[in-house]
Amino acid sequence: MAPQRTVYALAAVGAGTGAYLGLRAWRSAPSRFAHMSGSSVVAPDAAAWVTDFLNAAYFRRRPELRDLDDLRLAFAIVTTRWHRLGYRRLRAPDALPFHRAFGRGRFLDGSRSPRGTLAREQLLEGAAALHGDWFEAAYADDERRGWGIAFETLDERAAYRPEERLRSASLGPLTPERAPRPEQTWHTYPPVDVPSAEGVIAALTRPETWPDYATEIGRFTPVRSGGLEGQTFEIEVAAGTAQGRPLYTRGYVTVTTLVTSADEAALRAYVDELNDGLARYGRDEPAAVPEGATPLVGFDLTTHEGHFMGAGHNRLVLYEDDAGAHVRAAGTWDPMPWHLEQAYRRAGRDAQHAFWGQGAREEQSMLHQIALRTAPAAAPA
């Protein structure tokens, strides 16, 4: 092995092991929360080098050179590697094949991107070296991309079972809020305008496409076969992105209620109950669906044990009014345990609000990404 590769590999292994031991020591008290660091695809001892790879693809690049789909591409390269390794979590030694595939472009080729970073062309070249020449076309093909993975063939995609992520998911029981309603937090996020209600419904009801709407600070990946009803999502969220040093943790939510305009009575009852709760227990919170608007879809995302927000659930509602179609989030949460409250105050609150569209740049909000990606293609000039 070349000396440069040896140094890189040892540094990656050492950093990953040190980070893992440090996290274990620091978070020994709230052990369940600590167990949720990283993802079900990346083991704690690989977190350092995988984060370094994501930084090179996106966060370490100058803001004007960043493209959010490059971050999604980098995640897909990692997740596709997990898939092709037979669903074994990536570990510290897995840094070696990544360095062989991407190291030259990152550290020696300064003509296409600043050293230490990876331009899109370099990401695709490295992915071809790591996975095969088929990867670029597969990633660009909506029929061969799903669950954040690029599949070599349609048959391979059809055979995939998203439950494979549950091998390392640490999926605990559901934890809906249980505190008296006046003690709960009720919050409505601003509505996000969407170009087409039909486009949003088509996007949301195909959970395998949700990684396509990943943002700088979070992504949803389904871990069950089937559609939206009863679906469980692994949420990977990042704090510290503003400093270019993201720290990832994860949580799980399940769709426990889904109502649509196919059952207008159930949908209206759902909206009325939500609006009534916001009026009674929220602090000057607006209605989730304004008076006079027509609701189209509503569903609950209920937390599982170990979620970084504690016990509660979030809701998404899609509605139309005279101004067009809008999608909106509204959450209800129990008071947080002390360790979650401290983390939330320092890093979580702004990210949570931004992810659901409150005061956010489009690169941070999943709802804005859905709106952008479901917009009709512009006609040729």
Protein backbone atom coordinates (compact mmCIF):
# COMPACT_ATOMS: atom_id res chain seq x y z
CA MET A 1 0.00 0.00 0.00
CA ALA A 2 1.29 3.46 -0.88
CA PRO A 3 2.40 5.59 2.10
CA GLN A 4 -0.28 8.21 1.44
CA ARG A 5 -2.98 5.54 1.47
CA THR A 6 -1.58 4.01 4.64
CA VAL A 7 -1.65 7.34 6.47
CA TYR A 8 -5.17 8.08 5.23
CA ALA A 9 -6.46 4.66 6.26
CA LEU A 10 -4.85 4.73 9.71
CA ALA A 11 -6.16 8.22 10.30
CA ALA A 12 -9.66 7.17 9.31
CA VAL A 13 -9.59 4.08 11.52
CA GLY A 14 -8.13 6.00 14.45
CA ALA A 15 -10.55 8.88 14.12
CA GLY A 16 -13.50 6.53 13.82
CA THR A 17 -12.48 4.47 16.85
CA GLY A 18 -11.75 7.56 18.92
CA ALA A 19 -15.04 9.15 18.00
CA TYR A 20 -16.90 5.96 18.89
CA LEU A 21 -15.22 5.58 22.30
CA GLY A 22 -15.69 9.27 23.02
CA LEU A 23 -19.37 9.13 22.19
CA ARG A 24 -19.82 6.06 24.39
CA ALA A 25 -18.14 7.73 27.36
CA TRP A 26 -19.93 11.07 26.96
CA ARG A 27 -23.39 9.59 26.46
CA SER A 28 -23.30 6.67 28.88
CA ALA A 29 -26.20 8.02 30.97
CA PRO A 30 -28.81 8.52 28.23
CA SER A 31 -27.73 5.25 26.62
CA ARG A 32 -30.72 4.87 24.37
CA PHE A 33 -30.08 8.27 22.81
CA ALA A 34 -26.40 7.43 22.32
CA HIS A 35 -27.30 4.20 20.58
CA MET A 36 -29.05 6.22 17.88
CA SER A 37 -25.92 8.04 16.70
CA GLY A 38 -24.97 7.45 13.08
CA SER A 39 -27.29 5.34 10.92
CA SER A 40 -28.32 1.75 10.35
CA VAL A 41 -26.02 1.73 7.29
CA VAL A 42 -22.88 3.15 8.95
CA ALA A 43 -21.45 1.70 12.16
CA PRO A 44 -20.11 4.15 14.78
CA ASP A 45 -16.47 3.31 13.99
CA ALA A 46 -17.03 4.41 10.36
CA ALA A 47 -18.86 7.63 11.20
CA ALA A 48 -15.72 9.78 10.97
CA TRP A 49 -14.63 8.76 7.47
CA VAL A 50 -18.18 8.68 6.05
CA THR A 51 -18.83 12.17 7.41
CA ASP A 52 -15.51 13.26 5.91
CA PHE A 53 -16.64 11.88 2.54
CA LEU A 54 -19.96 13.77 2.75
CA ASN A 55 -18.05 16.92 3.70
CA ALA A 56 -15.86 16.59 0.62
CA ALA A 57 -18.92 16.20 -1.61
CA TYR A 58 -20.83 19.13 -0.16
CA PHE A 59 -20.19 20.85 3.17
CA ARG A 60 -16.51 21.63 2.61
CA ARG A 61 -17.15 23.17 -0.79
CA ARG A 62 -17.70 26.90 -1.07
CA PRO A 63 -21.42 27.75 -0.83
CA GLU A 64 -21.57 28.94 -4.42
CA LEU A 65 -20.18 25.58 -5.60
CA ARG A 66 -22.59 23.40 -3.63
CA ASP A 67 -25.37 21.44 -5.28
CA LEU A 68 -27.77 19.62 -2.96
CA ASP A 69 -28.06 16.70 -5.35
CA ASP A 70 -24.32 16.14 -4.95
CA LEU A 71 -24.98 15.46 -1.26
CA ARG A 72 -27.79 13.07 -2.19
CA LEU A 73 -25.43 11.42 -4.68
CA ALA A 74 -22.77 10.97 -1.98
CA PHE A 75 -25.34 9.40 0.34
CA ALA A 76 -26.44 7.11 -2.51
CA ILE A 77 -22.84 6.01 -3.11
CA VAL A 78 -22.55 5.06 0.57
CA THR A 79 -25.96 3.36 0.75
CA THR A 80 -25.41 1.48 -2.49
CA ARG A 81 -22.15 0.15 -1.04
CA TRP A 82 -24.07 -1.12 2.00
CA HIS A 83 -26.59 -2.81 -0.32
CA ARG A 84 -23.91 -4.46 -2.45
CA LEU A 85 -22.04 -5.71 0.62
CA GLY A 86 -25.10 -7.74 1.61
CA TYR A 87 -26.47 -5.18 4.10
CA ARG A 88 -23.42 -5.24 6.33
CA ARG A 89 -22.93 -1.90 8.06
CA LEU A 90 -19.90 0.00 6.82
CA ARG A 91 -16.99 -0.15 9.25
CA ALA A 92 -13.67 1.63 9.68
CA PRO A 93 -11.73 -0.63 7.24
CA ASP A 94 -14.25 0.21 4.50
CA ALA A 95 -12.47 3.56 4.20
CA LEU A 96 -9.80 1.78 2.11
CA PRO A 97 -11.88 0.99 -1.02
CA PHE A 98 -13.42 4.46 -0.81
CA HIS A 99 -9.97 6.01 -0.75
CA ARG A 100 -8.89 3.92 -3.74
CA ALA A 101 -11.95 5.13 -5.66
CA PHE A 102 -12.03 8.78 -4.62
CA GLY A 103 -8.61 9.64 -3.15
CA ARG A 104 -6.89 10.66 -6.41
CA GLY A 105 -9.70 12.99 -7.41
CA ARG A 106 -9.89 14.47 -3.95
CA PHE A 107 -6.23 14.93 -3.04
CA LEU A 108 -4.26 15.04 -6.31
CA ASP A 109 -6.62 16.57 -8.89
CA GLY A 110 -6.92 20.26 -8.05
CA SER A 111 -8.02 21.28 -11.53
CA ARG A 112 -11.70 20.34 -11.20
CA SER A 113 -12.27 21.12 -7.54
CA PRO A 114 -10.25 22.52 -4.63
CA ARG A 115 -8.08 19.85 -3.04
CA GLY A 116 -9.88 17.99 -0.30
CA THR A 117 -13.24 18.27 -2.07
CA LEU A 118 -15.05 16.35 -4.80
CA ALA A 119 -16.93 17.84 -7.75
CA ARG A 120 -19.90 15.95 -9.19
CA GLU A 121 -17.84 14.57 -12.08
CA GLN A 122 -15.31 13.22 -9.58
CA LEU A 123 -18.07 11.68 -7.47
CA LEU A 124 -19.43 9.84 -10.50
CA GLU A 125 -15.98 8.70 -11.60
CA GLY A 126 -15.25 7.37 -8.12
CA ALA A 127 -18.65 5.68 -7.96
CA ALA A 128 -17.89 3.90 -11.24
CA ALA A 129 -14.59 2.68 -9.79
CA LEU A 130 -16.27 1.56 -6.57
CA HIS A 131 -19.49 0.05 -7.96
CA GLY A 132 -19.14 -0.28 -11.73
CA ASP A 133 -19.67 1.70 -14.91
CA TRP A 134 -23.44 1.15 -14.65
CA PHE A 135 -23.79 3.41 -11.58
CA GLU A 136 -24.15 6.82 -13.23
CA ALA A 137 -26.98 5.78 -15.55
CA ALA A 138 -28.71 3.86 -12.76
CA TYR A 139 -28.59 6.82 -10.37
CA ALA A 140 -30.12 9.08 -13.04
CA ASP A 141 -32.90 6.56 -13.78
CA ASP A 142 -36.03 7.00 -11.64
CA GLU A 143 -36.88 3.35 -12.31
CA ARG A 144 -33.54 2.06 -10.98
CA ARG A 145 -33.17 4.42 -8.03
CA GLY A 146 -35.11 3.98 -4.80
CA TRP A 147 -34.63 4.04 -1.03
CA GLY A 148 -31.50 6.12 -1.65
CA ILE A 149 -29.88 3.23 -3.60
CA ALA A 150 -28.87 2.91 -7.26
CA PHE A 151 -29.67 -0.59 -8.58
CA GLU A 152 -27.81 -2.13 -11.50
CA THR A 153 -30.98 -3.71 -12.95
CA LEU A 154 -34.74 -3.45 -12.60
CA ASP A 155 -34.82 -7.02 -11.29
CA GLU A 156 -32.35 -6.09 -8.56
CA ARG A 157 -34.57 -3.16 -7.54
CA ALA A 158 -37.68 -5.35 -7.55
CA ALA A 159 -35.96 -7.89 -5.27
CA TYR A 160 -34.88 -5.31 -2.69
CA ARG A 161 -36.59 -5.43 0.71
CA PRO A 162 -36.34 -2.16 2.68
CA GLU A 163 -36.72 -4.19 5.88
CA GLU A 164 -33.02 -5.01 5.51
CA ARG A 165 -32.29 -1.69 7.27
CA LEU A 166 -34.13 -3.02 10.32
CA ARG A 167 -31.22 -5.41 10.98
CA SER A 168 -29.40 -2.52 12.69
CA ALA A 169 -32.31 -0.15 13.22
CA SER A 170 -32.78 -0.48 17.01
CA LEU A 171 -36.49 0.08 16.40
CA GLY A 172 -38.18 0.54 19.77
CA PRO A 173 -41.89 0.83 20.61
CA LEU A 174 -44.04 3.76 19.52
CA THR A 175 -43.91 6.74 21.88
CA PRO A 176 -46.87 9.06 21.26
CA GLU A 177 -47.18 11.98 23.64
CA ARG A 178 -48.75 11.08 27.01
CA ALA A 179 -48.53 14.26 29.08
CA PRO A 180 -51.75 16.22 29.74
CA ARG A 181 -52.51 18.30 26.67
CA PRO A 182 -51.93 21.67 28.37
CA GLU A 183 -48.35 20.53 29.18
CA GLN A 184 -47.58 19.48 25.60
CA THR A 185 -45.94 21.64 22.95
CA TRP A 186 -48.26 22.39 20.02
CA HIS A 187 -46.66 24.06 17.03
CA THR A 188 -47.69 24.83 13.44
CA TYR A 189 -45.03 25.52 10.81
CA PRO A 190 -45.63 27.96 7.96
CA PRO A 191 -47.33 26.51 4.86
CA VAL A 192 -45.18 25.80 1.83
CA ASP A 193 -46.68 26.57 -1.57
CA VAL A 194 -46.58 23.64 -3.98
CA PRO A 195 -47.14 23.77 -7.73
CA SER A 196 -49.48 20.80 -7.87
CA ALA A 197 -51.47 18.94 -5.22
CA GLU A 198 -51.48 15.88 -7.46
CA GLY A 199 -47.69 16.00 -7.75
CA VAL A 200 -47.25 16.16 -3.97
CA ILE A 201 -49.67 13.28 -3.42
CA ALA A 202 -47.78 11.20 -5.99
CA ALA A 203 -44.48 12.01 -4.24
CA LEU A 204 -45.63 11.35 -0.68
CA THR A 205 -47.42 8.10 -1.51
CA ARG A 206 -44.23 6.59 -3.00
CA PRO A 207 -42.08 6.37 0.15
CA GLU A 208 -39.13 4.90 -1.77
CA THR A 209 -38.68 8.34 -3.36
CA TRP A 210 -38.42 10.26 -0.07
CA PRO A 211 -34.58 10.19 -0.06
CA ASP A 212 -34.82 12.22 -3.30
CA TYR A 213 -36.12 15.13 -1.16
CA ALA A 214 -33.26 14.97 1.36
CA THR A 215 -31.92 18.32 2.55
CA GLU A 216 -28.68 19.60 4.05
CA ILE A 217 -29.95 18.73 7.51
CA GLY A 218 -32.15 15.67 7.19
CA ARG A 219 -33.45 12.75 5.15
CA PHE A 220 -36.24 10.17 5.46
CA THR A 221 -35.68 6.57 4.33
CA PRO A 222 -38.53 4.02 4.49
CA VAL A 223 -37.72 0.73 6.17
CA ARG A 224 -40.85 -1.25 5.27
CA SER A 225 -42.27 -2.57 2.03
CA GLY A 226 -45.46 -1.03 0.71
CA GLY A 227 -46.91 2.44 0.53
CA LEU A 228 -47.43 5.29 2.96
CA GLU A 229 -50.01 3.77 5.29
CA GLY A 230 -48.24 2.10 8.22
CA GLN A 231 -44.83 2.99 6.79
CA THR A 232 -41.86 3.43 9.14
CA PHE A 233 -39.07 5.88 8.30
CA GLU A 234 -35.51 6.15 9.52
CA ILE A 235 -34.71 9.85 9.89
CA GLU A 236 -31.07 10.91 9.69
CA VAL A 237 -30.53 14.46 10.93
CA ALA A 238 -27.40 16.57 11.12
CA ALA A 239 -26.40 19.31 13.52
CA GLY A 240 -23.41 21.57 12.93
CA THR A 241 -23.92 21.96 9.19
CA ALA A 242 -23.48 25.76 9.39
CA GLN A 243 -19.90 25.17 10.58
CA GLY A 244 -19.31 22.51 7.91
CA ARG A 245 -18.91 19.81 10.57
CA PRO A 246 -22.16 17.82 10.59
CA LEU A 247 -22.85 15.38 13.42
CA TYR A 248 -25.47 12.79 12.54
CA THR A 249 -28.03 11.03 14.67
CA ARG A 250 -31.17 9.12 13.78
CA GLY A 251 -34.71 8.46 14.90
CA TYR A 252 -37.72 6.49 13.71
CA VAL A 253 -41.32 7.47 13.04
CA THR A 254 -44.31 5.47 11.78
CA VAL A 255 -47.38 6.67 9.88
CA THR A 256 -50.08 5.80 12.41
CA THR A 257 -52.97 7.72 10.81
CA LEU A 258 -53.62 8.47 7.14
CA VAL A 259 -56.75 10.22 5.91
CA THR A 260 -57.54 11.39 2.39
CA SER A 261 -60.36 13.03 0.46
CA ALA A 262 -61.60 9.53 -0.36
CA ASP A 263 -63.19 9.64 3.11
CA GLU A 264 -64.23 13.27 3.47
CA ALA A 265 -65.87 12.78 6.88
CA ALA A 266 -62.74 11.22 8.40
CA LEU A 267 -60.51 13.89 6.84
CA ARG A 268 -62.68 16.73 8.11
CA ALA A 269 -62.78 15.22 11.62
CA TYR A 270 -58.98 14.90 11.56
CA VAL A 271 -58.53 18.54 10.55
CA ASP A 272 -61.11 19.83 13.03
CA GLU A 273 -59.45 17.95 15.91
CA LEU A 274 -56.01 19.27 14.94
CA ASN A 275 -57.20 22.86 14.56
CA ASP A 276 -59.09 22.67 17.86
CA GLY A 277 -55.99 21.38 19.69
CA LEU A 278 -53.85 24.17 18.26
CA ALA A 279 -56.41 26.77 19.30
CA ARG A 280 -56.75 25.36 22.83
CA TYR A 281 -53.18 24.40 23.69
CA GLY A 282 -50.91 26.25 21.26
CA ARG A 283 -49.43 29.64 22.02
CA ASP A 284 -50.98 31.89 19.39
CA GLU A 285 -50.61 29.11 16.84
CA PRO A 286 -52.50 29.47 13.54
CA ALA A 287 -54.83 26.76 12.29
CA ALA A 288 -53.08 24.01 10.35
CA VAL A 289 -55.78 24.21 7.66
CA PRO A 290 -57.21 27.73 7.41
CA GLU A 291 -60.94 28.35 7.44
CA GLY A 292 -62.40 28.03 3.96
CA ALA A 293 -59.56 25.85 2.66
CA THR A 294 -60.17 22.33 1.33
CA PRO A 295 -58.10 19.59 2.97
CA LEU A 296 -56.84 16.83 0.69
CA VAL A 297 -54.52 14.60 2.77
CA GLY A 298 -53.43 14.38 6.39
CA PHE A 299 -51.21 11.91 8.21
CA ASP A 300 -49.43 11.43 11.53
CA LEU A 301 -45.76 10.51 11.99
CA THR A 302 -45.49 9.04 15.50
CA THR A 303 -42.10 8.72 17.20
CA HIS A 304 -40.44 5.53 18.38
CA GLU A 305 -38.37 5.16 21.55
CA GLY A 306 -35.03 6.93 21.26
CA HIS A 307 -36.24 9.67 18.93
CA PHE A 308 -34.16 12.85 19.23
CA MET A 309 -37.33 14.91 19.91
CA GLY A 310 -38.63 12.60 22.61
CA ALA A 311 -42.27 11.47 22.65
CA GLY A 312 -44.80 12.95 20.27
CA HIS A 313 -45.85 13.07 16.68
CA ASN A 314 -45.72 15.34 13.69
CA ARG A 315 -48.45 15.78 11.12
CA LEU A 316 -48.40 16.73 7.47
CA VAL A 317 -51.49 18.23 5.83
CA LEU A 318 -52.06 19.10 2.19
CA TYR A 319 -54.82 21.56 1.34
CA GLU A 320 -56.02 23.94 -1.35
CA ASP A 321 -57.44 27.45 -1.20
CA ASP A 322 -57.96 30.30 -3.61
CA ALA A 323 -54.19 30.91 -3.72
CA GLY A 324 -53.33 27.34 -4.74
CA ALA A 325 -52.06 24.19 -3.01
CA HIS A 326 -50.03 24.12 0.20
CA VAL A 327 -48.35 21.52 2.41
CA ARG A 328 -47.81 22.13 6.11
CA ALA A 329 -46.40 20.44 9.19
CA ALA A 330 -47.79 20.62 12.72
CA GLY A 331 -46.25 18.92 15.75
CA THR A 332 -47.28 17.86 19.25
CA TRP A 333 -44.63 16.89 21.82
CA ASP A 334 -44.26 15.93 25.45
CA PRO A 335 -41.83 17.91 27.62
CA MET A 336 -38.35 16.62 26.74
CA PRO A 337 -36.04 14.71 29.09
CA TRP A 338 -33.13 16.86 30.26
CA HIS A 339 -30.52 15.44 27.88
CA LEU A 340 -32.76 15.93 24.85
CA GLU A 341 -33.80 19.41 25.99
CA GLN A 342 -30.17 20.54 26.24
CA ALA A 343 -29.26 19.15 22.83
CA TYR A 344 -32.41 20.62 21.31
CA ARG A 345 -31.73 24.08 22.68
CA ARG A 346 -28.13 24.08 21.43
CA ALA A 347 -28.58 22.59 17.98
CA GLY A 348 -31.96 21.00 17.36
CA ARG A 349 -34.55 23.74 17.44
CA ASP A 350 -33.35 25.72 14.44
CA ALA A 351 -32.77 22.56 12.42
CA GLN A 352 -36.21 21.17 13.27
CA HIS A 353 -37.92 24.40 12.26
CA ALA A 354 -35.87 24.75 9.09
CA PHE A 355 -36.53 21.17 8.00
CA TRP A 356 -40.29 21.76 8.06
CA GLY A 357 -40.03 25.09 6.26
CA GLN A 358 -39.90 27.73 9.00
CA GLY A 359 -37.48 30.53 8.08
CA ALA A 360 -35.48 28.11 6.01
CA ARG A 361 -33.33 28.20 2.98
CA GLU A 362 -34.74 25.83 0.37
CA GLU A 363 -31.68 23.59 0.79
CA GLN A 364 -32.72 22.88 4.39
CA SER A 365 -36.46 22.25 4.01
CA MET A 366 -37.85 18.91 2.84
CA LEU A 367 -41.20 20.50 2.01
CA HIS A 368 -39.50 23.05 -0.22
CA GLN A 369 -37.56 20.25 -1.92
CA ILE A 370 -40.81 18.39 -2.62
CA ALA A 371 -42.24 21.58 -4.11
CA LEU A 372 -39.18 22.10 -6.30
CA ARG A 373 -38.95 18.52 -7.53
CA THR A 374 -42.67 18.20 -8.31
CA ALA A 375 -42.80 21.44 -10.30
CA PRO A 376 -43.61 20.92 -14.00
CA ALA A 377 -40.54 21.01 -16.22
CA ALA A 378 -40.07 24.32 -17.99
CA ALA A 379 -40.97 24.32 -21.66
CA PRO A 380 -38.00 24.68 -24.05
CA ALA A 381 -37.34 28.24 -25.14
